[in-house]
Protein backbone atom coordinates (compact mmCIF):
# COMPACT_ATOMS: atom_id res chain seq x y z
CA MET A 1 9.52 8.13 9.18
CA LEU A 2 8.17 8.81 5.69
CA ALA A 3 6.85 12.20 4.68
CA CYS A 4 6.10 14.33 1.67
CA GLU A 5 6.19 18.10 1.96
CA ASP A 6 4.27 20.45 -0.34
CA ILE A 7 4.35 18.11 -3.33
CA SER A 8 2.59 18.40 -6.64
CA VAL A 9 2.83 16.22 -9.73
CA ARG A 10 2.16 17.53 -13.20
CA PHE A 11 1.98 15.59 -16.47
CA GLY A 12 2.23 18.14 -19.25
CA ARG A 13 -0.35 20.81 -18.46
CA ASN A 14 -2.36 18.50 -16.21
CA THR A 15 -1.66 18.64 -12.48
CA VAL A 16 -2.84 15.28 -11.13
CA LEU A 17 -1.69 15.81 -7.55
CA GLY A 18 -1.45 18.99 -5.51
CA SER A 19 -3.81 21.37 -7.29
CA PRO A 20 -4.89 23.97 -6.27
CA ALA A 21 -2.69 23.50 -3.17
CA PRO A 22 0.35 21.22 -2.71
CA VAL A 23 -0.04 18.04 -0.66
CA SER A 24 1.76 17.08 2.55
CA LEU A 25 1.50 13.75 4.36
CA THR A 26 3.46 11.95 7.08
CA LEU A 27 3.42 8.23 7.81
CA ALA A 28 4.60 7.89 11.38
CA GLU A 29 6.22 4.84 12.94
CA SER A 30 3.83 1.86 13.12
CA ASP A 31 1.06 3.60 11.15
CA PHE A 32 -1.26 1.42 9.08
CA ALA A 33 -2.82 3.95 6.71
CA ALA A 34 -5.26 3.31 3.87
CA ILE A 35 -5.42 5.85 1.06
CA ILE A 36 -8.93 5.89 -0.40
CA GLY A 37 -10.68 7.89 -3.09
CA PRO A 38 -12.39 7.56 -6.47
CA ASN A 39 -10.53 6.74 -9.67
CA GLY A 40 -8.36 9.65 -10.76
CA SER A 41 -8.12 11.18 -7.29
CA GLY A 42 -4.31 10.86 -7.17
CA LYS A 43 -3.99 7.90 -4.80
CA SER A 44 -1.50 5.86 -6.81
CA THR A 45 0.40 8.96 -7.89
CA LEU A 46 0.87 9.89 -4.22
CA LEU A 47 2.06 6.37 -3.40
CA ARG A 48 4.48 6.30 -6.36
CA THR A 49 5.85 9.69 -5.31
CA LEU A 50 6.40 8.50 -1.74
CA CYS A 51 8.47 5.53 -2.95
CA ARG A 52 10.52 7.56 -5.47
CA LEU A 53 9.04 6.04 -8.60
CA GLN A 54 7.48 9.38 -9.51
CA LYS A 55 9.47 12.60 -9.25
CA PRO A 56 7.38 15.42 -7.81
CA THR A 57 7.05 18.63 -9.80
CA THR A 58 7.30 20.60 -6.55
CA GLY A 59 8.13 19.64 -2.98
CA ARG A 60 10.16 16.77 -1.59
CA VAL A 61 9.89 13.34 0.02
CA LEU A 62 11.78 12.53 3.23
CA ILE A 63 12.76 9.34 5.02
CA ASP A 64 13.76 9.97 8.63
CA GLY A 65 14.12 13.64 7.70
CA LYS A 66 16.49 13.00 4.79
CA PRO A 67 15.42 13.82 1.20
CA VAL A 68 15.07 10.55 -0.71
CA ARG A 69 16.57 12.17 -3.84
CA GLU A 70 19.85 12.44 -1.91
CA MET A 71 19.78 8.78 -0.91
CA ALA A 72 21.21 5.91 -2.93
CA THR A 73 18.60 3.55 -4.37
CA LYS A 74 20.03 0.68 -2.33
CA ASP A 75 19.76 2.68 0.89
CA VAL A 76 16.12 3.51 0.16
CA ALA A 77 15.38 -0.16 -0.57
CA ARG A 78 16.79 -1.18 2.81
CA VAL A 79 14.17 0.97 4.52
CA LEU A 80 11.20 1.04 2.15
CA ALA A 81 9.61 -1.73 0.07
CA LEU A 82 6.86 -1.46 -2.54
CA VAL A 83 4.36 -4.04 -3.75
CA ALA A 84 3.14 -2.58 -7.02
CA GLN A 85 -0.29 -3.07 -8.56
CA SER A 86 -0.30 -6.10 -10.90
CA PRO A 87 3.50 -6.44 -11.19
CA PRO A 88 4.76 -8.36 -14.23
CA VAL A 89 5.12 -12.09 -13.62
CA PRO A 90 8.50 -13.56 -14.68
CA HIS A 91 7.73 -16.76 -16.56
CA ASP A 92 10.17 -19.18 -14.96
CA ILE A 93 10.90 -17.72 -11.52
CA THR A 94 9.84 -19.72 -8.47
CA VAL A 95 8.40 -18.22 -5.30
CA LEU A 96 11.61 -19.05 -3.45
CA ASP A 97 13.73 -17.27 -6.06
CA LEU A 98 11.40 -14.26 -6.05
CA VAL A 99 11.62 -13.88 -2.28
CA ALA A 100 15.40 -14.33 -2.41
CA HIS A 101 15.56 -11.33 -4.76
CA GLY A 102 14.41 -9.26 -1.81
CA ARG A 103 17.87 -9.66 -0.25
CA TYR A 104 19.64 -7.87 -3.10
CA PRO A 105 19.52 -4.39 -1.47
CA HIS A 106 21.63 -5.95 1.28
CA ARG A 107 23.84 -8.31 -0.74
CA GLY A 108 23.98 -6.97 -4.30
CA PHE A 109 22.98 -8.77 -7.49
CA ALA A 110 26.38 -10.43 -7.97
CA GLU A 111 26.79 -11.69 -4.41
CA GLN A 112 25.70 -15.10 -3.19
CA LEU A 113 23.27 -15.27 -0.31
CA ILE A 114 24.83 -16.34 2.97
CA SER A 115 23.18 -18.34 5.74
CA SER A 116 21.72 -15.28 7.46
CA ASP A 117 20.12 -14.17 4.18
CA ARG A 118 18.61 -17.59 3.64
CA ALA A 119 17.18 -17.51 7.17
CA ILE A 120 15.53 -14.15 6.44
CA VAL A 121 14.08 -15.51 3.19
CA GLU A 122 12.71 -18.57 4.98
CA SER A 123 11.21 -16.35 7.67
CA ALA A 124 9.49 -14.13 5.08
CA ILE A 125 8.08 -17.21 3.34
CA ALA A 126 6.75 -18.55 6.65
CA ARG A 127 5.24 -15.23 7.77
CA CYS A 128 3.33 -14.95 4.48
CA ASP A 129 2.26 -18.61 4.57
CA VAL A 130 3.68 -19.53 1.18
CA GLU A 131 5.80 -22.54 2.24
CA ALA A 132 3.43 -24.98 0.53
CA PHE A 133 4.18 -23.55 -2.91
CA ALA A 134 7.65 -22.05 -2.44
CA GLY A 135 9.07 -24.31 -5.15
CA ARG A 136 6.38 -23.54 -7.71
CA ARG A 137 6.67 -21.06 -10.54
CA LEU A 138 5.01 -17.73 -9.80
CA ALA A 139 3.00 -17.87 -13.02
CA THR A 140 1.19 -21.04 -11.88
CA LEU A 141 -0.23 -19.51 -8.69
CA SER A 142 -3.65 -18.08 -8.00
CA GLY A 143 -4.01 -14.33 -7.55
CA GLY A 144 -4.09 -14.53 -3.75
CA GLU A 145 -1.09 -16.87 -3.60
CA ARG A 146 0.86 -14.64 -5.96
CA GLN A 147 0.07 -11.54 -3.91
CA ARG A 148 1.37 -13.18 -0.73
CA ALA A 149 4.54 -14.18 -2.61
CA TRP A 150 5.17 -10.54 -3.63
CA ILE A 151 4.62 -9.41 -0.04
CA ALA A 152 7.10 -12.07 1.12
CA ALA A 153 9.66 -10.71 -1.36
CA ALA A 154 9.12 -7.23 0.04
CA LEU A 155 9.54 -8.52 3.62
CA ALA A 156 12.86 -10.13 2.66
CA GLN A 157 14.15 -6.58 2.20
CA GLU A 158 13.60 -6.14 5.97
CA PRO A 159 11.87 -2.80 5.42
CA ARG A 160 10.61 -0.53 8.14
CA ILE A 161 8.09 0.91 5.67
CA LEU A 162 5.90 -1.12 3.31
CA LEU A 163 3.78 0.52 0.58
CA LEU A 164 1.22 -1.41 -1.46
CA ASP A 165 -0.82 -0.26 -4.45
CA GLU A 166 -4.23 -1.98 -4.53
CA PRO A 167 -2.99 -5.39 -3.34
CA THR A 168 -6.56 -6.73 -3.07
CA SER A 169 -7.73 -5.78 -6.56
CA ALA A 170 -8.97 -8.73 -8.65
CA LEU A 171 -8.93 -11.06 -5.62
CA ASP A 172 -11.97 -12.92 -4.32
CA ILE A 173 -13.25 -11.93 -0.88
CA ARG A 174 -11.46 -14.79 0.91
CA HIS A 175 -8.08 -13.74 -0.46
CA GLN A 176 -8.85 -10.05 0.12
CA LEU A 177 -9.44 -10.76 3.81
CA ALA A 178 -6.35 -12.98 4.00
CA VAL A 179 -4.08 -10.29 2.50
CA MET A 180 -5.47 -7.55 4.76
CA ASP A 181 -5.16 -9.76 7.85
CA LEU A 182 -1.57 -10.55 6.85
CA LEU A 183 -0.77 -6.84 6.59
CA ARG A 184 -2.43 -6.06 9.90
CA GLY A 185 -0.34 -8.76 11.55
CA LEU A 186 2.88 -7.35 10.06
CA ASN A 187 1.92 -3.94 11.37
CA GLU A 188 0.84 -5.00 14.86
CA ARG A 189 3.37 -7.75 15.57
CA ASP A 190 6.40 -6.49 13.67
CA GLY A 191 5.81 -2.74 13.85
CA ILE A 192 6.15 -2.23 10.10
CA THR A 193 4.74 1.08 8.93
CA ILE A 194 2.26 0.37 6.13
CA GLY A 195 0.64 2.62 3.54
CA ILE A 196 -1.88 1.02 1.20
CA VAL A 197 -4.04 2.21 -1.68
CA VAL A 198 -7.36 0.35 -1.53
CA HIS A 199 -10.80 0.71 -3.11
CA ASP A 200 -12.86 -1.30 -0.64
CA ILE A 201 -13.87 1.09 2.16
CA ASN A 202 -15.03 -1.67 4.51
CA LEU A 203 -11.80 -3.63 4.08
CA ALA A 204 -9.82 -0.51 4.88
CA ALA A 205 -11.91 0.29 7.96
CA ARG A 206 -11.66 -3.29 9.20
CA ALA A 207 -7.86 -3.56 9.02
CA CYS A 208 -6.33 -0.08 9.09
CA SER A 209 -5.84 2.32 11.98
CA ARG A 210 -5.87 5.42 9.77
CA ILE A 211 -7.76 6.52 6.67
CA VAL A 212 -6.51 9.18 4.24
CA ALA A 213 -9.26 10.26 1.82
CA MET A 214 -8.43 11.94 -1.48
CA ARG A 215 -10.45 13.79 -4.08
CA LYS A 216 -9.23 15.55 -7.22
CA GLY A 217 -5.56 15.44 -6.23
CA GLN A 218 -6.13 16.70 -2.69
CA ILE A 219 -6.24 15.12 0.77
CA VAL A 220 -9.66 16.00 2.14
CA ALA A 221 -9.70 13.93 5.36
CA ASP A 222 -7.14 12.11 7.50
CA GLY A 223 -7.81 10.30 10.77
CA LYS A 224 -9.26 7.24 12.47
CA PRO A 225 -11.71 5.22 10.39
CA SER A 226 -14.62 6.17 12.63
CA ASP A 227 -13.81 9.86 12.18
CA VAL A 228 -13.27 9.77 8.41
CA ILE A 229 -15.85 7.27 7.14
CA THR A 230 -19.04 9.26 7.55
CA PRO A 231 -22.07 9.87 5.32
CA ASP A 232 -20.86 13.45 4.67
CA LEU A 233 -17.39 12.27 3.61
CA MET A 234 -18.77 9.53 1.37
CA ARG A 235 -21.06 12.07 -0.23
CA GLU A 236 -18.25 14.60 -0.78
CA VAL A 237 -15.55 12.20 -1.96
CA PHE A 238 -17.41 9.41 -3.74
CA GLY A 239 -20.73 11.03 -4.62
CA VAL A 240 -22.83 8.33 -2.95
CA GLU A 241 -25.45 8.26 -0.25
CA THR A 242 -24.55 5.77 2.47
CA GLU A 243 -25.65 4.40 5.79
CA ILE A 244 -22.83 3.95 8.31
CA SER A 245 -23.09 1.46 11.17
CA THR A 246 -20.58 0.06 13.65
CA ASP A 247 -19.31 -3.51 13.56
CA PRO A 248 -20.08 -4.84 17.07
CA ALA A 249 -17.10 -7.22 16.96
CA THR A 250 -14.40 -4.78 15.84
CA GLY A 251 -15.83 -1.32 16.44
CA ALA A 252 -14.97 -0.39 12.86
CA PRO A 253 -17.42 1.57 10.74
CA VAL A 254 -19.33 -0.43 8.13
CA CYS A 255 -20.51 1.36 5.01
CA ARG A 256 -23.77 0.39 3.29
CA TYR A 257 -24.15 1.99 -0.12
CA LEU A 258 -27.60 3.37 -0.87
CA SER A 259 -27.56 5.36 -4.11
CA PRO A 260 -25.31 7.44 -6.36
CA ILE A 261 -25.74 11.20 -6.34
CA GLY A 262 -26.53 12.93 -9.61
CA CYS A 263 -26.77 9.74 -11.68
CA ALA A 264 -30.00 8.90 -13.48
CA VAL A 265 -31.12 5.33 -12.90
CA GLU A 266 -33.56 3.84 -15.40
């Protein structure tokens, strides 16, 4: 469904993605993939390149085999939605109005929403459990409520692919779990292909069916959580010693951090 082929991204003389070798990645139908890695590993750059916000220096991005650079922005938005990291919060917009904006790839900015659009907006609000504050201004919401509102706006686009850049950052653990459970439900029940950049390894292993690990602008591992999240991988990618166990309820790997490698502790 969504793929990048032999991409690299360079800012000036600095290649932040795809050095020394270009990067290729495919998100297949109904994937739920977490992209993990330390700061500066190229995670967000890869995500931004996949959704056409960042033009690759080399290579190309494809949706259903078609280069996205040959597609109209509106056509891309009908297939792919992005929830950015810490998007700006319009001062006066309500949650309902924000979610309604998700219909513009289908209706246009000048067109009024018709009954079918309103039904889709109401469905997105219900699926993200934001009915209780749909009439409130976005700026008055908590971080977790606001994040669910942005996801609802993305769902109103009716995308087949949903990309999210660190949607759990700055949230407390309750809201982190709620957002990840929401995404897992959208993937399992609705078949939406999801790619997510996330820092919390245990959250990723708990919710996602696939882990893509990055280091220094390269993909170094890609597979099931139990295959990727190992002491060797954590040592190579994050520079930490870990102890990996298995959650008896879910079967997902659970990472216990022991010590950093090569850091003096006084």
